[in-house]
Protein backbone atom coordinates (compact mmCIF):
# COMPACT_ATOMS: atom_id res chain seq x y z
CA MET A 1 -76.70 37.36 9.28
CA LYS A 2 -72.92 37.64 8.98
CA ASP A 3 -70.98 37.58 12.26
CA ASP A 4 -68.17 40.17 12.22
CA THR A 5 -66.98 39.28 15.69
CA THR A 6 -63.17 39.16 15.97
CA ILE A 7 -61.67 36.70 18.42
CA THR A 8 -58.55 37.99 20.15
CA PRO A 9 -56.33 35.35 21.69
CA LEU A 10 -55.50 35.81 25.35
CA HIS A 11 -51.92 36.04 26.58
CA GLN A 12 -50.22 36.29 29.93
CA PRO A 13 -50.16 39.73 31.58
CA GLY A 14 -46.85 41.50 31.02
CA SER A 15 -45.96 39.48 27.91
CA ILE A 16 -45.54 41.07 24.49
CA LEU A 17 -47.01 39.70 21.29
CA ASP A 18 -44.49 40.26 18.51
CA ARG A 19 -45.56 38.74 15.22
CA LEU A 20 -42.26 39.60 13.56
CA THR A 21 -40.28 37.72 16.20
CA GLU A 22 -42.56 34.72 15.87
CA ILE A 23 -42.02 34.68 12.09
CA ALA A 24 -38.25 34.92 12.58
CA ARG A 25 -38.32 32.14 15.15
CA GLU A 26 -40.35 29.85 12.88
CA GLY A 27 -37.99 30.57 9.98
CA ALA A 28 -35.01 29.81 12.18
CA ARG A 29 -36.63 26.54 13.29
CA GLN A 30 -37.19 25.43 9.70
CA MET A 31 -33.67 26.42 8.62
CA LEU A 32 -32.11 24.62 11.59
CA ALA A 33 -34.14 21.48 10.95
CA ALA A 34 -33.14 21.51 7.28
CA ALA A 35 -29.49 22.00 8.15
CA LEU A 36 -29.55 19.11 10.62
CA ARG A 37 -31.16 16.81 8.05
CA ALA A 38 -28.62 17.82 5.40
CA GLU A 39 -25.74 17.27 7.83
CA ALA A 40 -26.94 13.75 8.66
CA ALA A 41 -27.55 12.93 4.98
CA SER A 42 -24.06 14.10 4.08
CA PHE A 43 -22.58 11.88 6.79
CA VAL A 44 -24.49 8.83 5.57
CA ALA A 45 -23.42 9.53 1.98
CA GLN A 46 -19.77 9.24 2.99
CA PHE A 47 -20.36 5.55 3.72
CA GLU A 48 -22.37 4.74 0.60
CA ASP A 49 -19.95 1.94 -0.30
CA GLU A 50 -20.06 0.34 3.15
CA ARG A 51 -22.33 -2.69 2.77
CA LEU A 52 -23.44 -5.60 4.93
CA PRO A 53 -23.00 -9.23 3.73
CA ASP A 54 -26.60 -9.24 2.54
CA GLY A 55 -26.02 -6.11 0.40
CA ARG A 56 -27.80 -3.60 2.60
CA HIS A 57 -26.22 -0.28 3.53
CA ARG A 58 -24.26 -0.39 6.75
CA ILE A 59 -24.85 3.26 7.73
CA VAL A 60 -28.42 4.53 7.55
CA ARG A 61 -30.62 7.28 8.91
CA HIS A 62 -32.43 6.26 12.07
CA GLY A 63 -35.08 8.87 12.75
CA THR A 64 -34.72 11.64 15.29
CA GLY A 65 -34.11 11.94 18.98
CA PRO A 66 -36.57 13.45 21.45
CA GLY A 67 -37.36 17.11 20.94
CA ARG A 68 -35.76 19.79 23.09
CA MET A 69 -35.60 23.58 23.22
CA ILE A 70 -32.47 25.51 22.25
CA GLN A 71 -32.23 28.97 23.77
CA THR A 72 -31.14 31.51 21.13
CA GLY A 73 -30.98 35.26 20.71
CA ILE A 74 -34.56 35.28 19.35
CA GLY A 75 -35.93 33.02 22.05
CA PRO A 76 -36.36 29.25 22.43
CA ILE A 77 -36.41 27.14 19.24
CA PRO A 78 -37.60 23.50 19.23
CA VAL A 79 -35.16 21.02 17.65
CA GLN A 80 -34.79 17.28 17.21
CA ARG A 81 -31.41 15.59 16.95
CA GLN A 82 -30.89 13.50 13.81
CA LYS A 83 -29.92 9.88 14.51
CA VAL A 84 -27.69 7.65 12.39
CA ARG A 85 -27.36 3.89 12.88
CA ASP A 86 -24.44 1.55 12.23
CA ARG A 87 -26.14 -1.78 11.37
CA ALA A 88 -22.98 -3.88 11.39
CA ALA A 89 -23.23 -6.77 13.86
CA GLY A 90 -20.40 -8.03 16.00
CA VAL A 91 -18.24 -4.90 15.54
CA PRO A 92 -16.27 -3.80 18.65
CA ALA A 93 -17.49 -0.57 20.21
CA GLU A 94 -14.32 1.32 19.32
CA ARG A 95 -14.77 0.46 15.62
CA ARG A 96 -18.43 1.36 15.33
CA ILE A 97 -19.20 4.39 13.18
CA ARG A 98 -20.89 7.11 15.18
CA PHE A 99 -22.48 10.35 14.05
CA THR A 100 -21.96 13.56 16.04
CA SER A 101 -23.55 16.79 14.83
CA ASN A 102 -21.28 19.81 14.57
CA ILE A 103 -24.33 22.05 14.32
CA LEU A 104 -26.15 20.70 17.37
CA PRO A 105 -23.87 19.13 19.99
CA ARG A 106 -25.51 16.28 21.86
CA TRP A 107 -26.16 18.14 25.13
CA ALA A 108 -26.44 21.71 23.80
CA ARG A 109 -29.19 23.79 25.38
CA ARG A 110 -28.32 27.31 24.19
CA SER A 111 -26.41 29.02 21.40
CA LYS A 112 -22.80 30.10 21.97
CA SER A 113 -23.72 33.74 21.35
CA LEU A 114 -25.74 33.69 24.58
CA ASP A 115 -22.71 32.51 26.53
CA ALA A 116 -20.90 35.58 25.20
CA LEU A 117 -23.80 37.73 26.39
CA LEU A 118 -23.34 36.70 30.02
CA PRO A 119 -20.10 38.60 30.76
CA VAL A 120 -21.65 41.68 29.14
CA LEU A 121 -24.59 41.49 31.54
CA TYR A 122 -22.21 40.85 34.42
CA LEU A 123 -20.22 43.90 33.40
CA ARG A 124 -23.40 45.94 33.58
CA GLY A 125 -23.59 45.11 37.27
CA ILE A 126 -26.34 42.52 37.02
CA SER A 127 -26.03 39.82 39.68
CA THR A 128 -26.58 36.15 38.92
CA GLY A 129 -29.92 36.33 40.69
CA GLU A 130 -31.06 39.10 38.32
CA PHE A 131 -29.99 37.40 35.08
CA GLN A 132 -33.34 35.68 34.64
CA GLU A 133 -35.23 38.98 34.73
CA ALA A 134 -32.78 40.68 32.36
CA LEU A 135 -32.81 37.79 29.91
CA THR A 136 -36.59 37.57 29.99
CA ALA A 137 -36.72 41.10 28.59
CA LEU A 138 -34.29 40.08 25.84
CA LEU A 139 -35.40 36.54 25.03
CA GLY A 140 -38.98 36.26 26.18
CA ALA A 141 -40.60 34.82 29.26
CA ASP A 142 -39.40 31.27 28.63
CA ALA A 143 -35.66 31.08 29.24
CA PRO A 144 -35.35 27.75 31.06
CA ASN A 145 -31.70 27.15 30.20
CA LEU A 146 -30.42 30.38 31.69
CA SER A 147 -31.54 30.05 35.29
CA PRO A 148 -29.44 31.52 38.14
CA GLY A 149 -28.02 28.08 38.88
CA VAL A 150 -26.94 27.63 35.27
CA ILE A 151 -25.43 31.13 35.24
CA SER A 152 -23.39 30.36 38.36
CA ARG A 153 -22.02 27.19 36.78
CA LEU A 154 -21.11 29.10 33.62
CA THR A 155 -19.21 31.79 35.51
CA ALA A 156 -17.37 29.06 37.40
CA GLY A 157 -16.35 27.65 34.04
CA TRP A 158 -14.71 30.96 33.08
CA GLN A 159 -11.85 30.19 35.46
CA GLU A 160 -11.23 26.86 33.77
CA ASP A 161 -11.19 28.53 30.35
CA TYR A 162 -8.76 31.17 31.58
CA ASP A 163 -6.43 28.63 33.20
CA ARG A 164 -6.41 26.52 30.05
CA TRP A 165 -5.65 29.58 27.93
CA GLN A 166 -2.85 30.65 30.27
CA ARG A 167 -1.17 27.24 29.96
CA ARG A 168 -1.27 27.07 26.15
CA ASP A 169 2.00 26.28 24.36
CA LEU A 170 3.49 29.19 22.37
CA SER A 171 6.58 27.42 21.05
CA ALA A 172 5.13 27.15 17.55
CA ARG A 173 3.78 30.71 17.51
CA ARG A 174 5.32 33.79 15.93
CA TYR A 175 4.11 37.37 16.22
CA VAL A 176 5.31 40.07 13.86
CA TYR A 177 3.80 43.03 15.72
CA ILE A 178 2.40 43.41 19.22
CA TRP A 179 0.24 46.08 20.86
CA ALA A 180 0.37 46.57 24.63
CA ASP A 181 -1.73 48.66 26.98
CA GLY A 182 -2.87 48.84 30.59
CA VAL A 183 -6.65 49.01 30.86
CA TYR A 184 -7.97 50.71 33.99
CA LEU A 185 -11.30 49.66 35.48
CA GLN A 186 -11.14 51.41 38.85
CA ALA A 187 -14.88 51.87 39.06
CA ARG A 188 -15.43 48.13 39.42
CA MET A 189 -12.20 46.73 40.82
CA GLU A 190 -10.43 46.63 44.13
CA PRO A 191 -7.86 49.44 44.66
CA ALA A 192 -4.95 46.99 44.82
CA ALA A 193 -5.65 45.59 41.36
CA GLU A 194 -6.83 48.40 39.16
CA CYS A 195 -5.07 47.67 35.90
CA MET A 196 -5.40 44.91 33.33
CA LEU A 197 -2.32 44.33 31.23
CA VAL A 198 -3.20 43.36 27.67
CA ILE A 199 -1.00 42.30 24.75
CA ILE A 200 -2.39 41.60 21.29
CA GLY A 201 -0.16 40.05 18.63
CA ALA A 202 -0.28 39.92 14.82
CA THR A 203 0.61 36.56 13.28
CA PRO A 204 2.53 36.17 9.98
CA GLU A 205 -0.85 35.52 8.34
CA GLY A 206 -2.14 38.92 9.50
CA ARG A 207 -4.52 37.65 12.17
CA LYS A 208 -4.75 39.42 15.52
CA GLU A 209 -4.74 37.28 18.65
CA LEU A 210 -4.88 37.89 22.38
CA LEU A 211 -1.31 37.06 23.42
CA GLY A 212 -1.07 38.19 27.04
CA PHE A 213 -3.61 39.12 29.69
CA GLN A 214 -3.34 39.45 33.45
CA VAL A 215 -4.09 41.82 36.31
CA GLY A 216 -1.27 44.20 37.24
CA VAL A 217 -0.68 47.12 39.57
CA ARG A 218 -0.53 50.56 37.95
CA GLU A 219 1.35 49.31 34.86
CA SER A 220 4.53 48.82 36.86
CA ALA A 221 7.64 47.42 35.21
CA GLN A 222 7.43 44.41 37.51
CA SER A 223 3.87 43.60 36.43
CA TRP A 224 4.79 43.85 32.76
CA ARG A 225 7.96 41.84 33.40
CA GLU A 226 5.94 39.01 34.96
CA LEU A 227 3.62 38.90 31.96
CA LEU A 228 6.41 38.95 29.36
CA VAL A 229 8.49 36.38 31.24
CA ASP A 230 5.46 34.07 31.39
CA ILE A 231 4.96 34.43 27.63
CA LYS A 232 8.60 33.52 26.99
CA ALA A 233 8.45 30.61 29.43
CA ARG A 234 5.61 29.09 27.41
CA GLY A 235 7.75 29.02 24.30
CA LEU A 236 7.63 32.39 22.52
CA SER A 237 11.33 32.63 21.73
CA VAL A 238 11.37 34.84 18.60
CA PRO A 239 10.94 38.53 19.48
CA PRO A 240 8.29 40.62 17.69
CA GLU A 241 9.60 43.08 15.13
CA ILE A 242 7.97 46.10 16.76
CA ALA A 243 5.77 46.86 19.77
CA VAL A 244 3.15 49.59 19.93
CA GLY A 245 2.17 51.21 23.21
CA ASP A 246 1.73 54.44 25.14
CA GLY A 247 4.32 56.28 27.20
CA ALA A 248 4.10 54.10 30.31
CA MET A 249 7.74 53.38 31.11
CA GLY A 250 6.98 50.12 32.89
CA PHE A 251 6.19 48.29 29.67
CA TRP A 252 9.16 49.56 27.68
CA ASN A 253 11.67 48.72 30.42
CA ALA A 254 10.25 45.21 30.74
CA LEU A 255 10.18 44.78 26.95
CA ASP A 256 13.86 45.66 26.60
CA GLU A 257 14.70 43.00 29.16
CA ALA A 258 12.49 40.27 27.65
CA PHE A 259 12.86 41.07 23.93
CA PRO A 260 15.79 43.47 23.49
CA GLY A 261 15.61 43.28 19.69
CA THR A 262 12.02 44.55 19.46
CA ARG A 263 11.66 48.13 18.24
CA HIS A 264 9.47 50.72 19.96
CA GLN A 265 6.55 52.57 18.38
CA ARG A 266 4.72 55.09 20.55
CA CYS A 267 0.99 55.43 20.06
CA TRP A 268 0.11 58.71 18.36
CA VAL A 269 -3.33 58.83 19.95
CA HIS A 270 -1.82 58.84 23.45
CA LYS A 271 0.97 61.21 22.47
CA THR A 272 -1.48 63.65 20.90
CA ALA A 273 -3.59 63.66 24.07
CA ASN A 274 -0.52 64.22 26.25
CA VAL A 275 0.67 67.15 24.12
CA LEU A 276 -2.78 68.75 23.91
CA ASN A 277 -3.11 68.67 27.70
CA LYS A 278 -0.29 71.23 27.87
CA PHE A 279 -2.21 73.79 25.77
CA PRO A 280 -5.25 75.92 26.53
CA LYS A 281 -8.48 74.40 25.24
CA SER A 282 -8.93 77.26 22.79
CA MET A 283 -5.69 76.31 21.03
CA GLN A 284 -6.16 72.54 20.99
CA PRO A 285 -7.98 72.21 17.62
CA ALA A 286 -5.19 74.06 15.80
CA VAL A 287 -2.46 72.18 17.67
CA LYS A 288 -4.12 68.87 16.91
CA ALA A 289 -4.13 69.73 13.20
CA ASP A 290 -0.39 70.53 13.36
CA LEU A 291 0.32 67.20 15.07
CA ARG A 292 -1.66 65.43 12.40
CA GLU A 293 0.64 66.92 9.78
CA ILE A 294 3.50 65.00 11.41
CA TRP A 295 2.14 61.48 11.62
CA GLN A 296 0.23 61.74 8.34
CA ALA A 297 3.34 62.80 6.38
CA GLU A 298 4.20 60.61 3.39
CA THR A 299 7.89 60.29 4.30
CA ARG A 300 10.03 60.29 7.41
CA ALA A 301 11.85 63.42 6.17
CA ALA A 302 8.54 65.27 5.81
CA ALA A 303 7.47 64.10 9.27
CA GLU A 304 10.72 65.27 10.86
CA ALA A 305 10.39 68.63 9.09
CA ALA A 306 6.80 68.98 10.40
CA MET A 307 8.01 68.08 13.91
CA ASP A 308 10.75 70.75 13.71
CA THR A 309 8.16 73.27 12.55
CA PHE A 310 5.90 72.36 15.46
CA THR A 311 8.75 72.82 17.94
CA GLU A 312 9.73 76.17 16.45
CA LYS A 313 6.11 77.34 16.39
CA TYR A 314 5.17 76.44 19.97
CA GLY A 315 8.43 75.73 21.80
CA ALA A 316 9.09 79.25 23.07
CA LYS A 317 5.80 79.64 24.94
CA TYR A 318 4.83 75.99 25.46
CA GLU A 319 8.16 74.36 26.13
CA LYS A 320 6.68 71.41 28.04
CA ALA A 321 4.48 70.51 25.06
CA ALA A 322 7.41 70.64 22.64
CA THR A 323 9.58 68.56 24.98
CA CYS A 324 6.81 65.99 25.42
CA LEU A 325 6.74 65.55 21.65
CA ILE A 326 10.40 65.52 20.65
CA LYS A 327 11.67 63.34 23.51
CA ASP A 328 10.06 60.33 21.79
CA ARG A 329 10.99 61.43 18.28
CA ASP A 330 12.49 58.13 17.10
CA ALA A 331 9.81 55.95 18.69
CA LEU A 332 7.04 58.07 17.18
CA LEU A 333 8.42 57.70 13.65
CA ALA A 334 9.52 54.04 13.72
CA PHE A 335 6.53 53.00 11.59
CA TYR A 336 8.19 54.55 8.50
CA ASP A 337 10.55 51.54 8.43
CA PHE A 338 7.65 49.15 7.84
CA PRO A 339 5.24 48.58 4.92
CA ALA A 340 3.02 51.57 4.21
CA ASP A 341 -0.04 49.31 4.26
CA HIS A 342 0.69 48.66 7.94
CA TRP A 343 1.07 52.27 9.04
CA ASP A 344 -2.57 52.60 10.11
CA HIS A 345 -2.09 49.58 12.38
CA LEU A 346 1.27 50.67 13.82
CA ARG A 347 0.70 54.34 14.54
CA THR A 348 -1.82 53.72 17.32
CA GLY A 349 -2.86 51.17 19.91
CA ASN A 350 -6.31 51.00 18.33
CA PRO A 351 -6.53 47.17 18.34
CA ILE A 352 -6.69 47.35 22.14
CA GLU A 353 -8.46 50.68 22.49
CA SER A 354 -11.35 49.62 20.26
CA VAL A 355 -11.87 46.42 22.25
CA PHE A 356 -11.88 48.10 25.65
CA ALA A 357 -13.67 51.34 24.79
CA THR A 358 -17.02 49.74 25.59
CA VAL A 359 -15.62 48.11 28.71
CA ARG A 360 -14.39 51.44 30.05
CA HIS A 361 -17.65 53.13 29.11
CA ARG A 362 -19.68 50.62 31.10
CA THR A 363 -17.51 50.19 34.16
CA VAL A 364 -17.30 53.88 34.91
CA ARG A 365 -21.10 53.94 35.17
CA THR A 366 -21.47 50.82 37.26
CA LYS A 367 -21.75 51.10 41.02
CA GLY A 368 -20.30 48.73 43.58
CA ALA A 369 -17.01 46.88 43.82
CA LEU A 370 -15.94 44.03 41.61
CA SER A 371 -13.38 41.55 42.86
CA GLN A 372 -10.08 41.16 41.07
CA LYS A 373 -10.87 37.57 40.13
CA THR A 374 -14.34 38.30 38.78
CA ALA A 375 -13.20 41.35 36.80
CA LYS A 376 -10.30 39.45 35.26
CA LEU A 377 -12.43 36.51 34.16
CA MET A 378 -15.28 38.69 32.98
CA VAL A 379 -13.10 40.91 30.79
CA PHE A 380 -11.20 37.88 29.51
CA LYS A 381 -14.45 36.37 28.24
CA LEU A 382 -15.45 39.69 26.69
CA VAL A 383 -12.15 39.87 24.80
CA GLN A 384 -12.51 36.27 23.63
CA ALA A 385 -15.95 37.08 22.25
CA ALA A 386 -14.66 40.23 20.54
CA ALA A 387 -11.68 38.39 19.03
CA LYS A 388 -14.01 36.44 16.76
CA THR A 389 -14.77 39.64 14.84
CA TRP A 390 -11.23 41.06 14.61
CA ARG A 391 -10.18 41.83 11.06
CA ARG A 392 -6.91 40.84 9.47
CA LEU A 393 -4.20 43.42 8.97
CA LYS A 394 -4.20 45.27 5.68
CA GLY A 395 -1.35 44.24 3.41
CA ALA A 396 -0.93 40.89 5.19
CA ASN A 397 0.99 39.58 2.16
CA GLN A 398 3.89 41.85 3.14
CA LEU A 399 4.34 40.38 6.62
CA PRO A 400 6.62 37.56 5.38
CA MET A 401 8.89 40.23 3.88
CA VAL A 402 9.15 41.89 7.29
CA LEU A 403 10.07 38.56 8.86
CA GLU A 404 12.72 37.92 6.21
CA GLY A 405 14.44 41.19 7.07
CA VAL A 406 13.49 43.17 3.98
CA THR A 407 14.35 46.83 4.48
CA PHE A 408 11.55 49.34 4.05
CA THR A 409 12.19 53.03 3.44
CA ASP A 410 9.18 55.28 3.88
CA GLY A 411 6.96 52.22 3.62
CA VAL A 412 8.46 50.89 0.37
CA ALA A 413 10.67 47.80 0.16
CA THR A 414 14.25 48.62 -0.82
CA GLN A 415 15.45 46.88 -3.97
CA GLY A 416 18.82 45.15 -4.26
CA ALA A 417 20.67 41.97 -3.41
CA ASP A 418 21.71 43.31 -0.03
CA ASN A 419 18.08 43.85 0.93
CA ARG A 420 17.67 40.77 3.09
CA ALA A 421 19.16 40.35 6.51
CA ALA A 422 21.19 37.31 7.37
């Protein structure tokens, strides 16, 4: 008689059996093992011509090291380090050929993406003692390399990373454009330090980098001055061509002192919000469309005409709104003197806003107080993690033209021998 009994394996109460995750984990294990073998084989192949006196190869594969678990985003994965042997005898230690894996550092116990996850969890208000429970839900019950003690040591290392970053030499750096903003995190910070001053710069190659970052007090001119002076003191001597920011006067006053040759570009997102606040809600959709006609105009002349129309249309009844707009007329339209491909980047402070939108969203919903030091280090690590995914500027090939002093009119380079500045 045929036995149709099905045997169901037992598992620990509270755990979840996920066949798909297990398949992904096994696939990741096989791919990692193959990559490690290929890396070691490639290293050995570099020394194919290195031979011992008896004709044998000097550099050879030498098995694997003891197995260990690497904690990843899909749970722990078993790995074995590939070993390579230098068989030359009597060679001083400093001249021996040694193999170090770039894929699997010698003492690695978790993937770098998990280190980036920690400040996110911290930002959510999870204490170091609660990390294990939170990570168990994400990574499975076995997360031995992310214990509370390990978490505490990692957060202590954030200060070292920040100090090292703050001391970096900027003498060989050049930034064509910069974006500046003060990011408020009142819900999680002490009242005396409620603003984080952030500057992002665009290199001549079109890459965006975190240039300046420190805690300030209400975006004051003194706080911005301290940040800009520190940047100059570390070697940034050539001023950016243009700076993008909101209407906070503290930054612009400090910028004129530190880099008097840098032009001003006011953020249209902030300006639009400021103007709309002076209208009834029922009118705001129509007013927003009229403002869009200004900054989306193809030429400076068309933008100025649209701005005059706006002032004539609303100025009589909503004088404060019209004044708010036209008082920054030149700074709002400065982007027309730069390549048209860069207008999307220069019209707003989006490079900073997009990074900190999630930060603001989370902190406003998190209870409790966060110290100035912890908030600074936590957000710094979040920005560092986000920077890895920042895209290059559109039209990056035109940045050298900006640096050379090429004149742009309505986004198009002016032709002629007198086009370049001395």
